[in-house]
PDB file of N, CA and C in Angstrom:
ATOM      1  N   MET A   1       0.843  -1.173   0.000  1.00  0.00           N
ATOM      2  CA  MET A   1       0.000   0.000   0.000  1.00  0.00           C
ATOM      3  C   MET A   1       0.893   1.242   0.000  1.00  0.00           C
ATOM      4  N   THR A   2       0.565   2.186  -0.820  1.00  0.00           N
ATOM      5  CA  THR A   2       1.370   3.404  -0.901  1.00  0.00           C
ATOM      6  C   THR A   2       1.090   4.307   0.297  1.00  0.00           C
ATOM      7  N   THR A   3       2.015   5.223   0.547  1.00  0.00           N
ATOM      8  CA  THR A   3       1.835   6.183   1.626  1.00  0.00           C
ATOM      9  C   THR A   3       0.593   7.024   1.381  1.00  0.00           C
ATOM     10  N   LEU A   4       0.360   7.387   0.141  1.00  0.00           N
ATOM     11  CA  LEU A   4      -0.819   8.173  -0.197  1.00  0.00           C
ATOM     12  C   LEU A   4      -2.104   7.416   0.157  1.00  0.00           C
ATOM     13  N   ALA A   5      -2.135   6.131  -0.151  1.00  0.00           N
ATOM     14  CA  ALA A   5      -3.306   5.314   0.160  1.00  0.00           C
ATOM     15  C   ALA A   5      -3.495   5.182   1.674  1.00  0.00           C
ATOM     16  N   ILE A   6      -2.402   5.041   2.401  1.00  0.00           N
ATOM     17  CA  ILE A   6      -2.475   4.958   3.865  1.00  0.00           C
ATOM     18  C   ILE A   6      -3.015   6.257   4.441  1.00  0.00           C
ATOM     19  N   ARG A   7      -2.507   7.379   3.942  1.00  0.00           N
ATOM     20  CA  ARG A   7      -3.000   8.682   4.414  1.00  0.00           C
ATOM     21  C   ARG A   7      -4.507   8.802   4.190  1.00  0.00           C
ATOM     22  N   LYS A   8      -4.962   8.377   3.033  1.00  0.00           N
ATOM     23  CA  LYS A   8      -6.386   8.450   2.701  1.00  0.00           C
ATOM     24  C   LYS A   8      -7.199   7.573   3.645  1.00  0.00           C
ATOM     25  N   LYS A   9      -6.734   6.345   3.877  1.00  0.00           N
ATOM     26  CA  LYS A   9      -7.460   5.430   4.766  1.00  0.00           C
ATOM     27  C   LYS A   9      -7.520   5.987   6.186  1.00  0.00           C
ATOM     28  N   LEU A  10      -6.389   6.513   6.667  1.00  0.00           N
ATOM     29  CA  LEU A  10      -6.366   7.094   8.012  1.00  0.00           C
ATOM     30  C   LEU A  10      -7.306   8.289   8.107  1.00  0.00           C
ATOM     31  N   SER A  11      -7.248   9.157   7.116  1.00  0.00           N
ATOM     32  CA  SER A  11      -8.115  10.331   7.109  1.00  0.00           C
ATOM     33  C   SER A  11      -9.585   9.926   7.113  1.00  0.00           C
ATOM     34  N   ASP A  12      -9.928   8.975   6.263  1.00  0.00           N
ATOM     35  CA  ASP A  12     -11.315   8.498   6.194  1.00  0.00           C
ATOM     36  C   ASP A  12     -11.736   7.884   7.532  1.00  0.00           C
ATOM     37  N   TYR A  13     -10.857   7.079   8.119  1.00  0.00           N
ATOM     38  CA  TYR A  13     -11.188   6.419   9.385  1.00  0.00           C
ATOM     39  C   TYR A  13     -11.375   7.422  10.510  1.00  0.00           C
ATOM     40  N   LEU A  14     -10.500   8.414  10.589  1.00  0.00           N
ATOM     41  CA  LEU A  14     -10.584   9.389  11.674  1.00  0.00           C
ATOM     42  C   LEU A  14     -11.883  10.196  11.606  1.00  0.00           C
ATOM     43  N   GLN A  15     -12.467  10.302  10.425  1.00  0.00           N
ATOM     44  CA  GLN A  15     -13.737  11.021  10.288  1.00  0.00           C
ATOM     45  C   GLN A  15     -14.892  10.267  10.925  1.00  0.00           C
ATOM     46  N   ILE A  16     -14.785   8.940  11.019  1.00  0.00           N
ATOM     47  CA  ILE A  16     -15.896   8.146  11.545  1.00  0.00           C
ATOM     48  C   ILE A  16     -15.589   7.470  12.879  1.00  0.00           C
ATOM     49  N   ALA A  17     -14.348   7.493  13.308  1.00  0.00           N
ATOM     50  CA  ALA A  17     -13.950   6.823  14.547  1.00  0.00           C
ATOM     51  C   ALA A  17     -14.588   7.516  15.749  1.00  0.00           C
ATOM     52  N   ASP A  18     -14.809   6.718  16.799  1.00  0.00           N
ATOM     53  CA  ASP A  18     -15.365   7.322  18.011  1.00  0.00           C
ATOM     54  C   ASP A  18     -14.305   8.186  18.696  1.00  0.00           C
ATOM     55  N   ASP A  19     -14.754   9.063  19.571  1.00  0.00           N
ATOM     56  CA  ASP A  19     -13.868  10.028  20.227  1.00  0.00           C
ATOM     57  C   ASP A  19     -12.704   9.364  20.944  1.00  0.00           C
ATOM     58  N   LYS A  20     -12.960   8.260  21.592  1.00  0.00           N
ATOM     59  CA  LYS A  20     -11.916   7.570  22.353  1.00  0.00           C
ATOM     60  C   LYS A  20     -10.766   7.137  21.437  1.00  0.00           C
ATOM     61  N   LYS A  21     -11.083   6.626  20.280  1.00  0.00           N
ATOM     62  CA  LYS A  21     -10.051   6.179  19.342  1.00  0.00           C
ATOM     63  C   LYS A  21      -9.297   7.364  18.742  1.00  0.00           C
ATOM     64  N   VAL A  22     -10.011   8.427  18.419  1.00  0.00           N
ATOM     65  CA  VAL A  22      -9.355   9.621  17.873  1.00  0.00           C
ATOM     66  C   VAL A  22      -8.375  10.186  18.895  1.00  0.00           C
ATOM     67  N   LYS A  23      -8.804  10.255  20.149  1.00  0.00           N
ATOM     68  CA  LYS A  23      -7.931  10.761  21.209  1.00  0.00           C
ATOM     69  C   LYS A  23      -6.721   9.850  21.416  1.00  0.00           C
ATOM     70  N   ALA A  24      -6.917   8.548  21.292  1.00  0.00           N
ATOM     71  CA  ALA A  24      -5.806   7.605  21.450  1.00  0.00           C
ATOM     72  C   ALA A  24      -4.777   7.783  20.334  1.00  0.00           C
ATOM     73  N   VAL A  25      -5.250   7.957  19.105  1.00  0.00           N
ATOM     74  CA  VAL A  25      -4.342   8.172  17.979  1.00  0.00           C
ATOM     75  C   VAL A  25      -3.587   9.482  18.177  1.00  0.00           C
ATOM     76  N   TYR A  26      -4.298  10.511  18.610  1.00  0.00           N
ATOM     77  CA  TYR A  26      -3.649  11.802  18.838  1.00  0.00           C
ATOM     78  C   TYR A  26      -2.608  11.697  19.942  1.00  0.00           C
ATOM     79  N   ALA A  27      -2.950  11.024  21.030  1.00  0.00           N
ATOM     80  CA  ALA A  27      -2.007  10.865  22.141  1.00  0.00           C
ATOM     81  C   ALA A  27      -0.743  10.155  21.675  1.00  0.00           C
ATOM     82  N   LEU A  28      -0.902   9.191  20.798  1.00  0.00           N
ATOM     83  CA  LEU A  28       0.233   8.446  20.267  1.00  0.00           C
ATOM     84  C   LEU A  28       1.155   9.345  19.455  1.00  0.00           C
ATOM     85  N   LEU A  29       0.587  10.287  18.742  1.00  0.00           N
ATOM     86  CA  LEU A  29       1.355  11.126  17.820  1.00  0.00           C
ATOM     87  C   LEU A  29       1.534  12.567  18.292  1.00  0.00           C
ATOM     88  N   GLU A  30       1.030  12.905  19.461  1.00  0.00           N
ATOM     89  CA  GLU A  30       0.989  14.295  19.908  1.00  0.00           C
ATOM     90  C   GLU A  30       2.341  15.002  19.856  1.00  0.00           C
ATOM     91  N   GLU A  31       3.380  14.386  20.391  1.00  0.00           N
ATOM     92  CA  GLU A  31       4.695  15.032  20.396  1.00  0.00           C
ATOM     93  C   GLU A  31       5.215  15.275  18.987  1.00  0.00           C
ATOM     94  N   GLU A  32       5.027  14.306  18.112  1.00  0.00           N
ATOM     95  CA  GLU A  32       5.473  14.478  16.728  1.00  0.00           C
ATOM     96  C   GLU A  32       4.670  15.567  16.024  1.00  0.00           C
ATOM     97  N   ILE A  33       3.382  15.638  16.325  1.00  0.00           N
ATOM     98  CA  ILE A  33       2.541  16.673  15.727  1.00  0.00           C
ATOM     99  C   ILE A  33       3.028  18.041  16.164  1.00  0.00           C
ATOM    100  N   LYS A  34       3.284  18.201  17.451  1.00  0.00           N
ATOM    101  CA  LYS A  34       3.761  19.485  17.967  1.00  0.00           C
ATOM    102  C   LYS A  34       5.109  19.858  17.347  1.00  0.00           C
ATOM    103  N   MET A  35       5.977  18.883  17.192  1.00  0.00           N
ATOM    104  CA  MET A  35       7.306  19.154  16.632  1.00  0.00           C
ATOM    105  C   MET A  35       7.232  19.478  15.150  1.00  0.00           C
ATOM    106  N   SER A  36       6.184  19.018  14.483  1.00  0.00           N
ATOM    107  CA  SER A  36       6.083  19.247  13.036  1.00  0.00           C
ATOM    108  C   SER A  36       5.445  20.585  12.693  1.00  0.00           C
ATOM    109  N   GLU A  37       4.975  21.286  13.701  1.00  0.00           N
ATOM    110  CA  GLU A  37       4.356  22.582  13.456  1.00  0.00           C
ATOM    111  C   GLU A  37       5.453  23.617  13.236  1.00  0.00           C
ATOM    112  N   ILE A  38       5.969  23.604  12.042  1.00  0.00           N
ATOM    113  CA  ILE A  38       7.102  24.447  11.678  1.00  0.00           C
ATOM    114  C   ILE A  38       6.629  25.871  11.425  1.00  0.00           C
ATOM    115  N   VAL A  39       7.350  26.798  11.977  1.00  0.00           N
ATOM    116  CA  VAL A  39       7.057  28.217  11.777  1.00  0.00           C
ATOM    117  C   VAL A  39       7.739  28.651  10.483  1.00  0.00           C
ATOM    118  N   SER A  40       6.994  29.392   9.671  1.00  0.00           N
ATOM    119  CA  SER A  40       7.582  29.880   8.428  1.00  0.00           C
ATOM    120  C   SER A  40       8.636  30.935   8.743  1.00  0.00           C
ATOM    121  N   VAL A  41       9.534  31.159   7.800  1.00  0.00           N
ATOM    122  CA  VAL A  41      10.575  32.172   7.972  1.00  0.00           C
ATOM    123  C   VAL A  41       9.935  33.542   8.177  1.00  0.00           C
ATOM    124  N   GLU A  42       8.860  33.809   7.447  1.00  0.00           N
ATOM    125  CA  GLU A  42       8.185  35.094   7.574  1.00  0.00           C
ATOM    126  C   GLU A  42       7.619  35.273   8.984  1.00  0.00           C
ATOM    127  N   ASP A  43       6.966  34.232   9.502  1.00  0.00           N
ATOM    128  CA  ASP A  43       6.409  34.311  10.859  1.00  0.00           C
ATOM    129  C   ASP A  43       7.512  34.434  11.903  1.00  0.00           C
ATOM    130  N   TYR A  44       8.582  33.697  11.698  1.00  0.00           N
ATOM    131  CA  TYR A  44       9.723  33.750  12.611  1.00  0.00           C
ATOM    132  C   TYR A  44      10.293  35.173  12.651  1.00  0.00           C
ATOM    133  N   ASN A  45      10.511  35.757  11.490  1.00  0.00           N
ATOM    134  CA  ASN A  45      11.042  37.118  11.421  1.00  0.00           C
ATOM    135  C   ASN A  45      10.067  38.132  12.017  1.00  0.00           C
ATOM    136  N   LYS A  46       8.773  37.911  11.823  1.00  0.00           N
ATOM    137  CA  LYS A  46       7.762  38.794  12.406  1.00  0.00           C
ATOM    138  C   LYS A  46       7.820  38.734  13.928  1.00  0.00           C
ATOM    139  N   GLU A  47       7.953  37.520  14.477  1.00  0.00           N
ATOM    140  CA  GLU A  47       8.054  37.366  15.930  1.00  0.00           C
ATOM    141  C   GLU A  47       9.298  38.065  16.471  1.00  0.00           C
ATOM    142  N   ILE A  48      10.395  37.970  15.752  1.00  0.00           N
ATOM    143  CA  ILE A  48      11.634  38.645  16.173  1.00  0.00           C
ATOM    144  C   ILE A  48      11.438  40.156  16.142  1.00  0.00           C
ATOM    145  N   ASP A  49      10.842  40.665  15.073  1.00  0.00           N
ATOM    146  CA  ASP A  49      10.596  42.105  14.966  1.00  0.00           C
ATOM    147  C   ASP A  49       9.698  42.593  16.099  1.00  0.00           C
ATOM    148  N   GLU A  50       8.658  41.818  16.417  1.00  0.00           N
ATOM    149  CA  GLU A  50       7.764  42.197  17.509  1.00  0.00           C
ATOM    150  C   GLU A  50       8.504  42.194  18.849  1.00  0.00           C
ATOM    151  N   ALA A  51       9.363  41.219  19.054  1.00  0.00           N
ATOM    152  CA  ALA A  51      10.134  41.148  20.295  1.00  0.00           C
ATOM    153  C   ALA A  51      11.098  42.321  20.411  1.00  0.00           C
ATOM    154  N   LEU A  52      11.698  42.710  19.307  1.00  0.00           N
ATOM    155  CA  LEU A  52      12.609  43.856  19.323  1.00  0.00           C
ATOM    156  C   LEU A  52      11.876  45.148  19.666  1.00  0.00           C
ATOM    157  N   VAL A  53      10.665  45.310  19.146  1.00  0.00           N
ATOM    158  CA  VAL A  53       9.857  46.490  19.469  1.00  0.00           C
ATOM    159  C   VAL A  53       9.531  46.489  20.962  1.00  0.00           C
ATOM    160  N   GLU A  54       9.155  45.330  21.485  1.00  0.00           N
ATOM    161  CA  GLU A  54       8.865  45.217  22.920  1.00  0.00           C
ATOM    162  C   GLU A  54      10.086  45.602  23.752  1.00  0.00           C
ATOM    163  N   ALA A  55      11.245  45.103  23.358  1.00  0.00           N
ATOM    164  CA  ALA A  55      12.478  45.421  24.087  1.00  0.00           C
ATOM    165  C   ALA A  55      12.795  46.906  23.992  1.00  0.00           C
ATOM    166  N   ASP A  56      12.637  47.484  22.813  1.00  0.00           N
ATOM    167  CA  ASP A  56      12.881  48.917  22.634  1.00  0.00           C
ATOM    168  C   ASP A  56      11.946  49.759  23.501  1.00  0.00           C
ATOM    169  N   ASN A  57      10.744  49.224  23.756  1.00  0.00           N
ATOM    170  CA  ASN A  57       9.771  49.928  24.584  1.00  0.00           C
ATOM    171  C   ASN A  57       9.978  49.648  26.082  1.00  0.00           C
ATOM    172  N   GLY A  58      11.028  48.900  26.406  1.00  0.00           N
ATOM    173  CA  GLY A  58      11.332  48.620  27.807  1.00  0.00           C
ATOM    174  C   GLY A  58      10.547  47.472  28.398  1.00  0.00           C
ATOM    175  N   ASN A  59       9.859  46.709  27.566  1.00  0.00           N
ATOM    176  CA  ASN A  59       9.066  45.568  28.038  1.00  0.00           C
ATOM    177  C   ASN A  59       9.912  44.302  28.058  1.00  0.00           C
ATOM    178  N   TYR A  60      10.752  44.198  29.061  1.00  0.00           N
ATOM    179  CA  TYR A  60      11.601  43.022  29.232  1.00  0.00           C
ATOM    180  C   TYR A  60      12.026  42.957  30.691  1.00  0.00           C
ATOM    181  N   ILE A  61      12.616  41.824  31.068  1.00  0.00           N
ATOM    182  CA  ILE A  61      13.186  41.700  32.406  1.00  0.00           C
ATOM    183  C   ILE A  61      14.665  41.377  32.265  1.00  0.00           C
ATOM    184  N   ASN A  62      15.444  41.817  33.234  1.00  0.00           N
ATOM    185  CA  ASN A  62      16.883  41.585  33.165  1.00  0.00           C
ATOM    186  C   ASN A  62      17.241  40.224  33.781  1.00  0.00           C
ATOM    187  N   GLN A  63      18.510  39.896  33.742  1.00  0.00           N
ATOM    188  CA  GLN A  63      18.989  38.594  34.213  1.00  0.00           C
ATOM    189  C   GLN A  63      18.646  38.365  35.684  1.00  0.00           C
ATOM    190  N   ALA A  64      18.876  39.360  36.514  1.00  0.00           N
ATOM    191  CA  ALA A  64      18.597  39.212  37.951  1.00  0.00           C
ATOM    192  C   ALA A  64      17.115  38.972  38.199  1.00  0.00           C
ATOM    193  N   GLN A  65      16.263  39.700  37.477  1.00  0.00           N
ATOM    194  CA  GLN A  65      14.822  39.509  37.617  1.00  0.00           C
ATOM    195  C   GLN A  65      14.410  38.114  37.161  1.00  0.00           C
ATOM    196  N   MET A  66      15.015  37.644  36.078  1.00  0.00           N
ATOM    197  CA  MET A  66      14.709  36.315  35.568  1.00  0.00           C
ATOM    198  C   MET A  66      15.118  35.233  36.557  1.00  0.00           C
ATOM    199  N   GLU A  67      16.294  35.386  37.145  1.00  0.00           N
ATOM    200  CA  GLU A  67      16.752  34.394  38.111  1.00  0.00           C
ATOM    201  C   GLU A  67      15.828  34.374  39.328  1.00  0.00           C
ATOM    202  N   LYS A  68      15.395  35.550  39.784  1.00  0.00           N
ATOM    203  CA  LYS A  68      14.475  35.620  40.919  1.00  0.00           C
ATOM    204  C   LYS A  68      13.146  34.939  40.581  1.00  0.00           C
ATOM    205  N   GLN A  69      12.670  35.210  39.377  1.00  0.00           N
ATOM    206  CA  GLN A  69      11.411  34.600  38.929  1.00  0.00           C
ATOM    207  C   GLN A  69      11.565  33.080  38.796  1.00  0.00           C
ATOM    208  N   ALA A  70      12.663  32.642  38.230  1.00  0.00           N
ATOM    209  CA  ALA A  70      12.887  31.208  38.007  1.00  0.00           C
ATOM    210  C   ALA A  70      13.018  30.468  39.339  1.00  0.00           C
ATOM    211  N   ALA A  71      13.538  31.135  40.359  1.00  0.00           N
ATOM    212  CA  ALA A  71      13.708  30.496  41.664  1.00  0.00           C
ATOM    213  C   ALA A  71      12.350  30.123  42.275  1.00  0.00           C
ATOM    214  N   ARG A  72      11.294  30.817  41.867  1.00  0.00           N
ATOM    215  CA  ARG A  72       9.951  30.533  42.382  1.00  0.00           C
ATOM    216  C   ARG A  72       9.282  29.356  41.675  1.00  0.00           C
ATOM    217  N   TRP A  73       9.860  28.899  40.589  1.00  0.00           N
ATOM    218  CA  TRP A  73       9.268  27.773  39.846  1.00  0.00           C
ATOM    219  C   TRP A  73       9.520  26.545  40.614  1.00  0.00           C
TER     220      TRP A  73
END
């Protein structure tokens, strides 16, 4: 069976499977799904630009503040 055919069968099955089975399949693949959510270069650059604006506006914490905050975790 080709990968394309497997994808189709899985997709079709997930549409009709009961909630318990769908959740089980998701739990099995959850970490891989999260890791595959790749950010585009454009989105990555946008996030960097937004962070730089925040820093320029003084919206950041310094090393000492971070260490104090982390100690409470």
